[in-house]
Structures are given as structure tokens and as C-alpha cells.
Full PDB file with SEQRES, HELIX, SHEET, SSBOND, CRYST1, ORIGX, SCALE, CONECT and MASTER records, all heavy atoms in Angstrom:
SEQRES   1 A   42  GLY GLU PRO GLY GLU VAL MET ARG LEU ALA GLU THR ALA          
SEQRES   2 A   42  ARG PRO THR PRO GLY ASP GLY GLN VAL LEU LEU ARG VAL          
SEQRES   3 A   42  ARG ALA ALA ASN ILE ASN PHE PRO ASP ALA LEU LEU CYS          
SEQRES   4 A   42  ARG GLY ARG                                                  
HELIX    1 AA1 PRO A    3  VAL A    6  1                                   4    
HELIX    2 AA2 PHE A   33  ARG A   40  1                                   8    
CRYST1    1.000    1.000    1.000  90.00  90.00  90.00 P 1           1          
ORIGX1      1.000000  0.000000  0.000000        0.00000                         
ORIGX2      0.000000  1.000000  0.000000        0.00000                         
ORIGX3      0.000000  0.000000  1.000000        0.00000                         
SCALE1      1.000000  0.000000  0.000000        0.00000                         
SCALE2      0.000000  1.000000  0.000000        0.00000                         
SCALE3      0.000000  0.000000  1.000000        0.00000                         
ATOM      1  N   GLY A   1       0.826  -1.188   0.005  1.00  0.00           N  
ATOM      2  CA  GLY A   1       0.005   0.010   0.027  1.00  0.00           C  
ATOM      3  C   GLY A   1       0.890   1.224   0.043  1.00  0.00           C  
ATOM      4  O   GLY A   1       2.109   1.182  -0.274  1.00  0.00           O  
ATOM      5  N   GLU A   2       0.299   2.415   0.362  1.00  0.00           N  
ATOM      6  CA  GLU A   2       1.031   3.594   0.371  1.00  0.00           C  
ATOM      7  C   GLU A   2       2.035   3.590   1.566  1.00  0.00           C  
ATOM      8  O   GLU A   2       1.704   3.084   2.635  1.00  0.00           O  
ATOM      9  CB  GLU A   2       0.084   4.831   0.486  1.00  0.00           C  
ATOM     10  CG  GLU A   2      -0.625   5.108  -0.799  1.00  0.00           C  
ATOM     11  CD  GLU A   2       0.269   5.403  -1.954  1.00  0.00           C  
ATOM     12  OE1 GLU A   2       1.109   6.383  -1.842  1.00  0.00           O  
ATOM     13  OE2 GLU A   2       0.217   4.693  -2.902  1.00  0.00           O  
ATOM     14  N   PRO A   3       3.263   4.040   1.355  1.00  0.00           N  
ATOM     15  CA  PRO A   3       4.308   4.013   2.403  1.00  0.00           C  
ATOM     16  C   PRO A   3       3.811   4.482   3.706  1.00  0.00           C  
ATOM     17  O   PRO A   3       4.079   3.889   4.831  1.00  0.00           O  
ATOM     18  CB  PRO A   3       5.408   4.812   1.835  1.00  0.00           C  
ATOM     19  CG  PRO A   3       5.297   4.738   0.356  1.00  0.00           C  
ATOM     20  CD  PRO A   3       3.739   4.722   0.110  1.00  0.00           C  
ATOM     21  N   GLY A   4       3.161   5.665   3.712  1.00  0.00           N  
ATOM     22  CA  GLY A   4       2.728   6.299   4.972  1.00  0.00           C  
ATOM     23  C   GLY A   4       1.733   5.487   5.741  1.00  0.00           C  
ATOM     24  O   GLY A   4       1.521   5.673   6.937  1.00  0.00           O  
ATOM     25  N   GLU A   5       1.055   4.507   5.097  1.00  0.00           N  
ATOM     26  CA  GLU A   5       0.055   3.697   5.640  1.00  0.00           C  
ATOM     27  C   GLU A   5       0.541   2.294   6.035  1.00  0.00           C  
ATOM     28  O   GLU A   5       0.025   1.720   7.017  1.00  0.00           O  
ATOM     29  CB  GLU A   5      -1.155   3.610   4.735  1.00  0.00           C  
ATOM     30  CG  GLU A   5      -1.818   4.892   4.342  1.00  0.00           C  
ATOM     31  CD  GLU A   5      -2.867   4.732   3.310  1.00  0.00           C  
ATOM     32  OE1 GLU A   5      -3.102   3.634   2.833  1.00  0.00           O  
ATOM     33  OE2 GLU A   5      -3.523   5.762   2.986  1.00  0.00           O  
ATOM     34  N   VAL A   6       1.517   1.715   5.310  1.00  0.00           N  
ATOM     35  CA  VAL A   6       1.867   0.362   5.536  1.00  0.00           C  
ATOM     36  C   VAL A   6       3.236   0.170   6.239  1.00  0.00           C  
ATOM     37  O   VAL A   6       3.548  -0.978   6.654  1.00  0.00           O  
ATOM     38  CB  VAL A   6       1.851  -0.461   4.211  1.00  0.00           C  
ATOM     39  CG1 VAL A   6       0.505  -0.363   3.604  1.00  0.00           C  
ATOM     40  CG2 VAL A   6       2.929   0.050   3.232  1.00  0.00           C  
ATOM     41  N   MET A   7       4.009   1.187   6.329  1.00  0.00           N  
ATOM     42  CA  MET A   7       5.325   1.077   7.061  1.00  0.00           C  
ATOM     43  C   MET A   7       5.104   1.179   8.582  1.00  0.00           C  
ATOM     44  O   MET A   7       4.414   2.098   9.027  1.00  0.00           O  
ATOM     45  CB  MET A   7       6.320   2.118   6.560  1.00  0.00           C  
ATOM     46  CG  MET A   7       6.831   1.919   5.152  1.00  0.00           C  
ATOM     47  SD  MET A   7       7.956   3.236   4.613  1.00  0.00           S  
ATOM     48  CE  MET A   7       9.327   3.121   5.821  1.00  0.00           C  
ATOM     49  N   ARG A   8       5.631   0.217   9.339  1.00  0.00           N  
ATOM     50  CA  ARG A   8       5.453   0.202  10.740  1.00  0.00           C  
ATOM     51  C   ARG A   8       6.775   0.055  11.413  1.00  0.00           C  
ATOM     52  O   ARG A   8       7.566  -0.862  11.065  1.00  0.00           O  
ATOM     53  CB  ARG A   8       4.552  -0.950  11.209  1.00  0.00           C  
ATOM     54  CG  ARG A   8       3.141  -0.842  10.646  1.00  0.00           C  
ATOM     55  CD  ARG A   8       2.317   0.268  11.405  1.00  0.00           C  
ATOM     56  NE  ARG A   8       0.952   0.358  10.971  1.00  0.00           N  
ATOM     57  CZ  ARG A   8       0.536   1.131  10.000  1.00  0.00           C  
ATOM     58  NH1 ARG A   8       1.439   1.904   9.338  1.00  0.00           N  
ATOM     59  NH2 ARG A   8      -0.728   1.170   9.638  1.00  0.00           N  
ATOM     60  N   LEU A   9       7.117   0.912  12.451  1.00  0.00           N  
ATOM     61  CA  LEU A   9       8.370   0.849  13.150  1.00  0.00           C  
ATOM     62  C   LEU A   9       8.280  -0.127  14.271  1.00  0.00           C  
ATOM     63  O   LEU A   9       7.296  -0.074  15.045  1.00  0.00           O  
ATOM     64  CB  LEU A   9       8.764   2.250  13.661  1.00  0.00           C  
ATOM     65  CG  LEU A   9      10.129   2.445  14.309  1.00  0.00           C  
ATOM     66  CD1 LEU A   9      11.206   2.069  13.296  1.00  0.00           C  
ATOM     67  CD2 LEU A   9      10.289   3.845  14.823  1.00  0.00           C  
ATOM     68  N   ALA A  10       9.237  -1.016  14.380  1.00  0.00           N  
ATOM     69  CA  ALA A  10       9.161  -2.075  15.406  1.00  0.00           C  
ATOM     70  C   ALA A  10      10.550  -2.376  15.987  1.00  0.00           C  
ATOM     71  O   ALA A  10      11.591  -2.071  15.330  1.00  0.00           O  
ATOM     72  CB  ALA A  10       8.601  -3.325  14.828  1.00  0.00           C  
ATOM     73  N   GLU A  11      10.558  -2.868  17.206  1.00  0.00           N  
ATOM     74  CA  GLU A  11      11.744  -3.461  17.816  1.00  0.00           C  
ATOM     75  C   GLU A  11      11.934  -4.855  17.332  1.00  0.00           C  
ATOM     76  O   GLU A  11      10.993  -5.705  17.381  1.00  0.00           O  
ATOM     77  CB  GLU A  11      11.695  -3.443  19.361  1.00  0.00           C  
ATOM     78  CG  GLU A  11      11.784  -2.053  19.960  1.00  0.00           C  
ATOM     79  CD  GLU A  11      13.204  -1.509  19.944  1.00  0.00           C  
ATOM     80  OE1 GLU A  11      14.124  -2.327  19.675  1.00  0.00           O  
ATOM     81  OE2 GLU A  11      13.379  -0.284  20.134  1.00  0.00           O  
ATOM     82  N   THR A  12      13.089  -5.228  16.815  1.00  0.00           N  
ATOM     83  CA  THR A  12      13.328  -6.552  16.283  1.00  0.00           C  
ATOM     84  C   THR A  12      14.800  -6.930  16.470  1.00  0.00           C  
ATOM     85  O   THR A  12      15.648  -6.094  16.820  1.00  0.00           O  
ATOM     86  CB  THR A  12      12.962  -6.574  14.793  1.00  0.00           C  
ATOM     87  OG1 THR A  12      13.048  -7.869  14.277  1.00  0.00           O  
ATOM     88  CG2 THR A  12      13.835  -5.670  13.944  1.00  0.00           C  
ATOM     89  N   ALA A  13      15.114  -8.189  16.242  1.00  0.00           N  
ATOM     90  CA  ALA A  13      16.464  -8.666  16.381  1.00  0.00           C  
ATOM     91  C   ALA A  13      17.308  -8.189  15.111  1.00  0.00           C  
ATOM     92  O   ALA A  13      16.710  -8.027  14.033  1.00  0.00           O  
ATOM     93  CB  ALA A  13      16.466 -10.198  16.472  1.00  0.00           C  
ATOM     94  N   ARG A  14      18.590  -8.122  15.361  1.00  0.00           N  
ATOM     95  CA  ARG A  14      19.461  -7.766  14.178  1.00  0.00           C  
ATOM     96  C   ARG A  14      19.355  -8.959  13.172  1.00  0.00           C  
ATOM     97  O   ARG A  14      19.264 -10.115  13.621  1.00  0.00           O  
ATOM     98  CB  ARG A  14      20.884  -7.626  14.661  1.00  0.00           C  
ATOM     99  CG  ARG A  14      21.167  -6.465  15.554  1.00  0.00           C  
ATOM    100  CD  ARG A  14      22.648  -6.415  15.917  1.00  0.00           C  
ATOM    101  NE  ARG A  14      22.945  -5.370  16.926  1.00  0.00           N  
ATOM    102  CZ  ARG A  14      24.104  -5.179  17.429  1.00  0.00           C  
ATOM    103  NH1 ARG A  14      25.117  -5.873  17.062  1.00  0.00           N  
ATOM    104  NH2 ARG A  14      24.295  -4.253  18.326  1.00  0.00           N  
ATOM    105  N   PRO A  15      19.404  -8.629  11.901  1.00  0.00           N  
ATOM    106  CA  PRO A  15      19.400  -9.709  10.894  1.00  0.00           C  
ATOM    107  C   PRO A  15      20.690 -10.549  10.941  1.00  0.00           C  
ATOM    108  O   PRO A  15      21.741 -10.032  11.270  1.00  0.00           O  
ATOM    109  CB  PRO A  15      19.213  -8.972   9.605  1.00  0.00           C  
ATOM    110  CG  PRO A  15      19.770  -7.639   9.839  1.00  0.00           C  
ATOM    111  CD  PRO A  15      19.415  -7.316  11.275  1.00  0.00           C  
ATOM    112  N   THR A  16      20.572 -11.787  10.548  1.00  0.00           N  
ATOM    113  CA  THR A  16      21.755 -12.665  10.536  1.00  0.00           C  
ATOM    114  C   THR A  16      22.271 -12.798   9.154  1.00  0.00           C  
ATOM    115  O   THR A  16      21.526 -13.191   8.226  1.00  0.00           O  
ATOM    116  CB  THR A  16      21.401 -14.045  11.114  1.00  0.00           C  
ATOM    117  OG1 THR A  16      20.882 -13.932  12.458  1.00  0.00           O  
ATOM    118  CG2 THR A  16      22.633 -14.982  11.087  1.00  0.00           C  
ATOM    119  N   PRO A  17      23.557 -12.452   8.864  1.00  0.00           N  
ATOM    120  CA  PRO A  17      24.015 -12.584   7.510  1.00  0.00           C  
ATOM    121  C   PRO A  17      24.046 -14.014   6.979  1.00  0.00           C  
ATOM    122  O   PRO A  17      24.281 -15.002   7.691  1.00  0.00           O  
ATOM    123  CB  PRO A  17      25.492 -12.091   7.650  1.00  0.00           C  
ATOM    124  CG  PRO A  17      25.542 -11.279   8.905  1.00  0.00           C  
ATOM    125  CD  PRO A  17      24.566 -11.959   9.836  1.00  0.00           C  
ATOM    126  N   GLY A  18      23.711 -14.138   5.673  1.00  0.00           N  
ATOM    127  CA  GLY A  18      23.722 -15.384   5.012  1.00  0.00           C  
ATOM    128  C   GLY A  18      25.035 -15.573   4.337  1.00  0.00           C  
ATOM    129  O   GLY A  18      25.986 -14.771   4.531  1.00  0.00           O  
ATOM    130  N   ASP A  19      25.219 -16.579   3.484  1.00  0.00           N  
ATOM    131  CA  ASP A  19      26.497 -16.846   2.810  1.00  0.00           C  
ATOM    132  C   ASP A  19      26.843 -15.627   1.948  1.00  0.00           C  
ATOM    133  O   ASP A  19      26.024 -15.149   1.143  1.00  0.00           O  
ATOM    134  CB  ASP A  19      26.390 -18.043   1.914  1.00  0.00           C  
ATOM    135  CG  ASP A  19      26.246 -19.306   2.738  1.00  0.00           C  
ATOM    136  OD1 ASP A  19      26.646 -19.319   3.950  1.00  0.00           O  
ATOM    137  OD2 ASP A  19      25.829 -20.344   2.164  1.00  0.00           O  
ATOM    138  N   GLY A  20      28.022 -15.085   2.087  1.00  0.00           N  
ATOM    139  CA  GLY A  20      28.475 -13.979   1.262  1.00  0.00           C  
ATOM    140  C   GLY A  20      28.006 -12.636   1.742  1.00  0.00           C  
ATOM    141  O   GLY A  20      28.239 -11.676   1.003  1.00  0.00           O  
ATOM    142  N   GLN A  21      27.247 -12.592   2.810  1.00  0.00           N  
ATOM    143  CA  GLN A  21      26.703 -11.344   3.264  1.00  0.00           C  
ATOM    144  C   GLN A  21      27.416 -10.792   4.528  1.00  0.00           C  
ATOM    145  O   GLN A  21      28.165 -11.530   5.212  1.00  0.00           O  
ATOM    146  CB  GLN A  21      25.158 -11.444   3.640  1.00  0.00           C  
ATOM    147  CG  GLN A  21      24.288 -11.789   2.457  1.00  0.00           C  
ATOM    148  CD  GLN A  21      22.822 -11.891   2.856  1.00  0.00           C  
ATOM    149  OE1 GLN A  21      22.541 -12.287   4.016  1.00  0.00           O  
ATOM    150  NE2 GLN A  21      21.955 -11.582   1.972  1.00  0.00           N  
ATOM    151  N   VAL A  22      27.230  -9.491   4.757  1.00  0.00           N  
ATOM    152  CA  VAL A  22      27.822  -8.814   5.922  1.00  0.00           C  
ATOM    153  C   VAL A  22      26.736  -8.056   6.583  1.00  0.00           C  
ATOM    154  O   VAL A  22      25.797  -7.560   6.017  1.00  0.00           O  
ATOM    155  CB  VAL A  22      28.962  -7.897   5.568  1.00  0.00           C  
ATOM    156  CG1 VAL A  22      30.194  -8.711   5.069  1.00  0.00           C  
ATOM    157  CG2 VAL A  22      28.583  -6.842   4.562  1.00  0.00           C  
ATOM    158  N   LEU A  23      26.887  -7.865   7.884  1.00  0.00           N  
ATOM    159  CA  LEU A  23      26.017  -7.020   8.702  1.00  0.00           C  
ATOM    160  C   LEU A  23      26.600  -5.624   8.745  1.00  0.00           C  
ATOM    161  O   LEU A  23      27.785  -5.406   9.016  1.00  0.00           O  
ATOM    162  CB  LEU A  23      25.903  -7.559  10.140  1.00  0.00           C  
ATOM    163  CG  LEU A  23      25.048  -6.799  11.131  1.00  0.00           C  
ATOM    164  CD1 LEU A  23      23.568  -6.889  10.772  1.00  0.00           C  
ATOM    165  CD2 LEU A  23      25.238  -7.231  12.573  1.00  0.00           C  
ATOM    166  N   LEU A  24      25.749  -4.636   8.456  1.00  0.00           N  
ATOM    167  CA  LEU A  24      26.180  -3.246   8.387  1.00  0.00           C  
ATOM    168  C   LEU A  24      25.355  -2.418   9.410  1.00  0.00           C  
ATOM    169  O   LEU A  24      24.178  -2.522   9.457  1.00  0.00           O  
ATOM    170  CB  LEU A  24      25.995  -2.651   7.019  1.00  0.00           C  
ATOM    171  CG  LEU A  24      26.846  -3.265   5.897  1.00  0.00           C  
ATOM    172  CD1 LEU A  24      26.420  -2.643   4.540  1.00  0.00           C  
ATOM    173  CD2 LEU A  24      28.348  -3.133   6.156  1.00  0.00           C  
ATOM    174  N   ARG A  25      26.060  -1.532  10.156  1.00  0.00           N  
ATOM    175  CA  ARG A  25      25.323  -0.545  10.920  1.00  0.00           C  
ATOM    176  C   ARG A  25      25.010   0.549   9.977  1.00  0.00           C  
ATOM    177  O   ARG A  25      25.901   1.077   9.344  1.00  0.00           O  
ATOM    178  CB  ARG A  25      26.197  -0.037  12.093  1.00  0.00           C  
ATOM    179  CG  ARG A  25      25.449   1.039  12.959  1.00  0.00           C  
ATOM    180  CD  ARG A  25      26.307   1.512  14.109  1.00  0.00           C  
ATOM    181  NE  ARG A  25      27.360   2.364  13.727  1.00  0.00           N  
ATOM    182  CZ  ARG A  25      27.357   3.635  13.449  1.00  0.00           C  
ATOM    183  NH1 ARG A  25      26.135   4.311  13.435  1.00  0.00           N  
ATOM    184  NH2 ARG A  25      28.413   4.317  13.137  1.00  0.00           N  
ATOM    185  N   VAL A  26      23.767   0.961   9.927  1.00  0.00           N  
ATOM    186  CA  VAL A  26      23.325   1.986   8.991  1.00  0.00           C  
ATOM    187  C   VAL A  26      23.662   3.345   9.532  1.00  0.00           C  
ATOM    188  O   VAL A  26      23.194   3.768  10.593  1.00  0.00           O  
ATOM    189  CB  VAL A  26      21.819   1.852   8.739  1.00  0.00           C  
ATOM    190  CG1 VAL A  26      21.362   2.969   7.823  1.00  0.00           C  
ATOM    191  CG2 VAL A  26      21.439   0.504   8.154  1.00  0.00           C  
ATOM    192  N   ARG A  27      24.530   4.073   8.806  1.00  0.00           N  
ATOM    193  CA  ARG A  27      24.869   5.420   9.167  1.00  0.00           C  
ATOM    194  C   ARG A  27      23.931   6.383   8.546  1.00  0.00           C  
ATOM    195  O   ARG A  27      23.607   7.441   9.132  1.00  0.00           O  
ATOM    196  CB  ARG A  27      26.266   5.684   8.782  1.00  0.00           C  
ATOM    197  CG  ARG A  27      27.352   4.799   9.489  1.00  0.00           C  
ATOM    198  CD  ARG A  27      28.726   5.080   8.838  1.00  0.00           C  
ATOM    199  NE  ARG A  27      29.186   6.407   9.156  1.00  0.00           N  
ATOM    200  CZ  ARG A  27      30.183   6.683  10.080  1.00  0.00           C  
ATOM    201  NH1 ARG A  27      30.726   5.652  10.776  1.00  0.00           N  
ATOM    202  NH2 ARG A  27      30.552   7.891  10.306  1.00  0.00           N  
ATOM    203  N   ALA A  28      23.448   6.091   7.363  1.00  0.00           N  
ATOM    204  CA  ALA A  28      22.452   6.916   6.626  1.00  0.00           C  
ATOM    205  C   ALA A  28      21.825   6.099   5.552  1.00  0.00           C  
ATOM    206  O   ALA A  28      22.498   5.304   4.878  1.00  0.00           O  
ATOM    207  CB  ALA A  28      23.109   8.208   6.031  1.00  0.00           C  
ATOM    208  N   ALA A  29      20.486   6.302   5.290  1.00  0.00           N  
ATOM    209  CA  ALA A  29      19.817   5.562   4.277  1.00  0.00           C  
ATOM    210  C   ALA A  29      19.112   6.520   3.321  1.00  0.00           C  
ATOM    211  O   ALA A  29      18.213   7.267   3.854  1.00  0.00           O  
ATOM    212  CB  ALA A  29      18.850   4.592   4.881  1.00  0.00           C  
ATOM    213  N   ASN A  30      19.433   6.611   2.114  1.00  0.00           N  
ATOM    214  CA  ASN A  30      18.813   7.511   1.140  1.00  0.00           C  
ATOM    215  C   ASN A  30      17.441   6.908   0.712  1.00  0.00           C  
ATOM    216  O   ASN A  30      17.376   5.739   0.450  1.00  0.00           O  
ATOM    217  CB  ASN A  30      19.760   7.693  -0.065  1.00  0.00           C  
ATOM    218  CG  ASN A  30      19.135   8.660  -1.057  1.00  0.00           C  
ATOM    219  OD1 ASN A  30      18.602   9.684  -0.758  1.00  0.00           O  
ATOM    220  ND2 ASN A  30      19.189   8.231  -2.310  1.00  0.00           N  
ATOM    221  N   ILE A  31      16.513   7.799   0.540  1.00  0.00           N  
ATOM    222  CA  ILE A  31      15.190   7.368   0.078  1.00  0.00           C  
ATOM    223  C   ILE A  31      15.124   7.500  -1.420  1.00  0.00           C  
ATOM    224  O   ILE A  31      15.453   8.557  -1.998  1.00  0.00           O  
ATOM    225  CB  ILE A  31      14.027   8.222   0.684  1.00  0.00           C  
ATOM    226  CG1 ILE A  31      14.057   8.079   2.206  1.00  0.00           C  
ATOM    227  CG2 ILE A  31      12.692   7.833   0.066  1.00  0.00           C  
ATOM    228  CD1 ILE A  31      13.083   8.981   2.940  1.00  0.00           C  
ATOM    229  N   ASN A  32      14.690   6.440  -2.129  1.00  0.00           N  
ATOM    230  CA  ASN A  32      14.570   6.388  -3.532  1.00  0.00           C  
ATOM    231  C   ASN A  32      13.131   6.099  -3.895  1.00  0.00           C  
ATOM    232  O   ASN A  32      12.376   5.434  -3.139  1.00  0.00           O  
ATOM    233  CB  ASN A  32      15.451   5.254  -4.170  1.00  0.00           C  
ATOM    234  CG  ASN A  32      16.885   5.605  -4.141  1.00  0.00           C  
ATOM    235  OD1 ASN A  32      17.423   6.123  -5.112  1.00  0.00           O  
ATOM    236  ND2 ASN A  32      17.602   5.304  -3.022  1.00  0.00           N  
ATOM    237  N   PHE A  33      12.707   6.549  -5.079  1.00  0.00           N  
ATOM    238  CA  PHE A  33      11.324   6.267  -5.540  1.00  0.00           C  
ATOM    239  C   PHE A  33      11.022   4.754  -5.527  1.00  0.00           C  
ATOM    240  O   PHE A  33       9.896   4.360  -5.217  1.00  0.00           O  
ATOM    241  CB  PHE A  33      11.109   6.789  -6.931  1.00  0.00           C  
ATOM    242  CG  PHE A  33       9.677   6.814  -7.353  1.00  0.00           C  
ATOM    243  CD1 PHE A  33       8.702   7.595  -6.743  1.00  0.00           C  
ATOM    244  CD2 PHE A  33       9.250   5.946  -8.364  1.00  0.00           C  
ATOM    245  CE1 PHE A  33       7.346   7.630  -7.172  1.00  0.00           C  
ATOM    246  CE2 PHE A  33       7.938   5.895  -8.763  1.00  0.00           C  
ATOM    247  CZ  PHE A  33       6.982   6.713  -8.158  1.00  0.00           C  
ATOM    248  N   PRO A  34      12.041   3.911  -5.845  1.00  0.00           N  
ATOM    249  CA  PRO A  34      11.711   2.430  -5.735  1.00  0.00           C  
ATOM    250  C   PRO A  34      11.290   1.942  -4.363  1.00  0.00           C  
ATOM    251  O   PRO A  34      10.644   0.934  -4.266  1.00  0.00           O  
ATOM    252  CB  PRO A  34      13.060   1.752  -6.190  1.00  0.00           C  
ATOM    253  CG  PRO A  34      13.659   2.763  -7.159  1.00  0.00           C  
ATOM    254  CD  PRO A  34      13.293   4.097  -6.555  1.00  0.00           C  
ATOM    255  N   ASP A  35      11.687   2.724  -3.319  1.00  0.00           N  
ATOM    256  CA  ASP A  35      11.248   2.336  -1.988  1.00  0.00           C  
ATOM    257  C   ASP A  35       9.735   2.425  -1.867  1.00  0.00           C  
ATOM    258  O   ASP A  35       9.023   1.598  -1.318  1.00  0.00           O  
ATOM    259  CB  ASP A  35      11.905   3.221  -0.919  1.00  0.00           C  
ATOM    260  CG  ASP A  35      13.378   2.947  -0.775  1.00  0.00           C  
ATOM    261  OD1 ASP A  35      13.746   1.735  -0.688  1.00  0.00           O  
ATOM    262  OD2 ASP A  35      14.175   3.913  -0.761  1.00  0.00           O  
ATOM    263  N   ALA A  36       9.148   3.534  -2.528  1.00  0.00           N  
ATOM    264  CA  ALA A  36       7.704   3.596  -2.507  1.00  0.00           C  
ATOM    265  C   ALA A  36       7.033   2.496  -3.369  1.00  0.00           C  
ATOM    266  O   ALA A  36       6.047   1.961  -2.994  1.00  0.00           O  
ATOM    267  CB  ALA A  36       7.342   5.017  -3.126  1.00  0.00           C  
ATOM    268  N   LEU A  37       7.739   2.181  -4.483  1.00  0.00           N  
ATOM    269  CA  LEU A  37       7.187   1.097  -5.369  1.00  0.00           C  
ATOM    270  C   LEU A  37       7.256  -0.222  -4.659  1.00  0.00           C  
ATOM    271  O   LEU A  37       6.337  -1.051  -4.819  1.00  0.00           O  
ATOM    272  CB  LEU A  37       7.984   1.075  -6.640  1.00  0.00           C  
ATOM    273  CG  LEU A  37       7.888   2.250  -7.599  1.00  0.00           C  
ATOM    274  CD1 LEU A  37       8.739   2.065  -8.825  1.00  0.00           C  
ATOM    275  CD2 LEU A  37       6.433   2.500  -8.015  1.00  0.00           C  
ATOM    276  N   LEU A  38       8.259  -0.464  -3.876  1.00  0.00           N  
ATOM    277  CA  LEU A  38       8.342  -1.645  -3.092  1.00  0.00           C  
ATOM    278  C   LEU A  38       7.199  -1.787  -2.114  1.00  0.00           C  
ATOM    279  O   LEU A  38       6.592  -2.834  -1.915  1.00  0.00           O  
ATOM    280  CB  LEU A  38       9.702  -1.724  -2.314  1.00  0.00           C  
ATOM    281  CG  LEU A  38      10.931  -2.103  -3.116  1.00  0.00           C  
ATOM    282  CD1 LEU A  38      12.175  -1.782  -2.377  1.00  0.00           C  
ATOM    283  CD2 LEU A  38      10.893  -3.585  -3.458  1.00  0.00           C  
ATOM    284  N   CYS A  39       6.916  -0.636  -1.406  1.00  0.00           N  
ATOM    285  CA  CYS A  39       5.763  -0.633  -0.496  1.00  0.00           C  
ATOM    286  C   CYS A  39       4.485  -0.968  -1.240  1.00  0.00           C  
ATOM    287  O   CYS A  39       3.563  -1.667  -0.642  1.00  0.00           O  
ATOM    288  CB  CYS A  39       5.680   0.725   0.214  1.00  0.00           C  
ATOM    289  SG  CYS A  39       7.019   0.994   1.392  1.00  0.00           S  
ATOM    290  N   ARG A  40       4.346  -0.417  -2.423  1.00  0.00           N  
ATOM    291  CA  ARG A  40       3.111  -0.641  -3.136  1.00  0.00           C  
ATOM    292  C   ARG A  40       3.006  -2.036  -3.880  1.00  0.00           C  
ATOM    293  O   ARG A  40       2.001  -2.361  -4.411  1.00  0.00           O  
ATOM    294  CB  ARG A  40       2.963   0.446  -4.246  1.00  0.00           C  
ATOM    295  CG  ARG A  40       2.800   1.867  -3.682  1.00  0.00           C  
ATOM    296  CD  ARG A  40       2.964   2.918  -4.756  1.00  0.00           C  
ATOM    297  NE  ARG A  40       2.742   4.233  -4.381  1.00  0.00           N  
ATOM    298  CZ  ARG A  40       3.067   5.361  -4.947  1.00  0.00           C  
ATOM    299  NH1 ARG A  40       3.710   5.274  -6.136  1.00  0.00           N  
ATOM    300  NH2 ARG A  40       2.795   6.536  -4.489  1.00  0.00           N  
ATOM    301  N   GLY A  41       4.132  -2.774  -3.848  1.00  0.00           N  
ATOM    302  CA  GLY A  41       4.215  -4.041  -4.523  1.00  0.00           C  
ATOM    303  C   GLY A  41       4.281  -3.867  -6.014  1.00  0.00           C  
ATOM    304  O   GLY A  41       3.891  -4.802  -6.778  1.00  0.00           O  
ATOM    305  N   ARG A  42       4.840  -2.744  -6.501  1.00  0.00           N  
ATOM    306  CA  ARG A  42       4.908  -2.482  -7.926  1.00  0.00           C  
ATOM    307  C   ARG A  42       6.331  -2.374  -8.480  1.00  0.00           C  
ATOM    308  O   ARG A  42       6.532  -1.913  -9.573  1.00  0.00           O  
ATOM    309  CB  ARG A  42       4.166  -1.167  -8.250  1.00  0.00           C  
ATOM    310  CG  ARG A  42       2.682  -1.273  -7.867  1.00  0.00           C  
ATOM    311  CD  ARG A  42       1.991   0.100  -8.145  1.00  0.00           C  
ATOM    312  NE  ARG A  42       0.634   0.123  -7.711  1.00  0.00           N  
ATOM    313  CZ  ARG A  42      -0.073   1.197  -7.668  1.00  0.00           C  
ATOM    314  NH1 ARG A  42       0.380   2.359  -8.061  1.00  0.00           N  
ATOM    315  NH2 ARG A  42      -1.383   1.114  -7.279  1.00  0.00           N  
TER     316      ARG A  42                                                      
MASTER        0    0    0    2    0    0    0    6  315    1    0    4          
END                                                                             
């Protein structure tokens, strides 16, 4: 749905890296139009 309606902030465990992945502490996250499309499922 629309980002402002379907995004929910929650307390959760840190994700566990899979093969070939690393865990990163997020210092900054840029917002892109695809983020809205992801929320909409488009």
C-alpha cells in the first residue's frame, strides 16, 4: 500500500548474514522512488 500507511516501526532482532553477506550498521539511508514502489508491490 502507500508507504505512509503500511510502514510500521518495530523493535526486532538484528538480521543474521547469509552466505557472502555482511552485517552493516546503517549510518544513513537514502530514500529512492523504488522504496515507494516496493511498499506498493509495484
